[in-house]
Protein backbone atom coordinates (compact mmCIF):
# COMPACT_ATOMS: atom_id res chain seq x y z
CA MET A 1 28.00 -33.33 70.58
CA MET A 2 25.86 -30.37 70.41
CA ASN A 3 22.60 -30.44 69.29
CA VAL A 4 21.79 -28.09 66.62
CA LYS A 5 18.49 -27.15 64.22
CA LEU A 6 18.59 -27.61 60.96
CA TYR A 7 15.64 -26.56 58.70
CA THR A 8 15.37 -27.74 55.12
CA ILE A 9 15.13 -25.62 52.19
CA SER A 10 11.04 -25.50 52.30
CA GLU A 11 11.66 -24.70 55.65
CA VAL A 12 12.72 -21.79 55.26
CA ALA A 13 11.18 -20.17 52.10
CA LYS A 14 8.11 -20.36 54.27
CA ILE A 15 9.72 -18.48 56.76
CA LEU A 16 10.93 -16.04 54.38
CA ARG A 17 8.19 -15.75 52.80
CA VAL A 18 10.04 -16.97 49.36
CA SER A 19 9.44 -20.15 46.93
CA ARG A 20 11.93 -23.00 47.03
CA GLN A 21 13.53 -21.90 43.92
CA THR A 22 14.79 -18.44 45.59
CA VAL A 23 16.07 -19.80 48.49
CA TYR A 24 17.49 -22.73 46.18
CA ASN A 25 19.02 -19.73 43.85
CA TRP A 26 20.42 -17.87 46.54
CA VAL A 27 22.55 -21.14 49.03
CA LYS A 28 23.67 -21.52 45.23
CA SER A 29 24.58 -18.00 44.63
CA GLY A 30 26.68 -18.66 48.37
CA LYS A 31 24.05 -16.27 50.26
CA ILE A 32 23.46 -18.39 52.16
CA ARG A 33 25.57 -20.77 53.95
CA VAL A 34 24.95 -24.40 54.01
CA VAL A 35 25.68 -27.62 56.00
CA ARG A 36 25.53 -30.85 53.56
CA LEU A 37 24.19 -34.00 55.26
CA PRO A 38 26.06 -36.81 54.36
CA ASN A 39 23.19 -38.49 52.31
CA GLY A 40 23.90 -34.90 49.51
CA PHE A 41 20.70 -33.49 51.51
CA ILE A 42 21.75 -30.28 52.41
CA ARG A 43 19.94 -28.04 55.94
CA ILE A 44 20.40 -24.91 57.10
CA THR A 45 21.42 -24.06 60.62
CA GLU A 46 19.53 -21.99 62.79
CA ASP A 47 22.19 -19.58 63.51
CA GLU A 48 22.39 -19.00 59.79
CA LEU A 49 18.76 -18.10 59.38
CA LYS A 50 19.11 -15.85 61.98
CA ARG A 51 21.77 -13.92 59.82
CA ILE A 52 19.47 -14.14 57.08
CA LEU A 53 16.69 -12.59 58.96
CA ASN A 54 18.37 -9.74 60.31
CA MET A 55 19.46 -9.14 56.61
CA ASP A 56 17.79 -8.25 53.71
CA LEU A 57 18.22 -10.60 51.05
CA SER A 58 16.73 -9.44 47.90
CA ASP A 59 18.34 -6.35 48.32
CA GLU A 60 21.00 -6.91 44.76
CA GLU A 61 17.57 -8.39 42.69
CA SER A 62 15.63 -5.44 42.95
CA GLU A 63 18.09 -3.26 41.42
CA GLN A 64 16.38 -0.75 39.47
């Protein structure tokens, strides 16, 4: 079994410099893919974090 680095919503929020609620909203809307643990908690993989670091998730929210 491979060892995959998993991040909490709080950790991802700090890295992206946004609020936890913003990350949670992106998860709920499908912009960020998550892994659901057996205890029900959600985590974001390192690969997914790298993917979202290379895109601007705020594009749709900043339309004027």
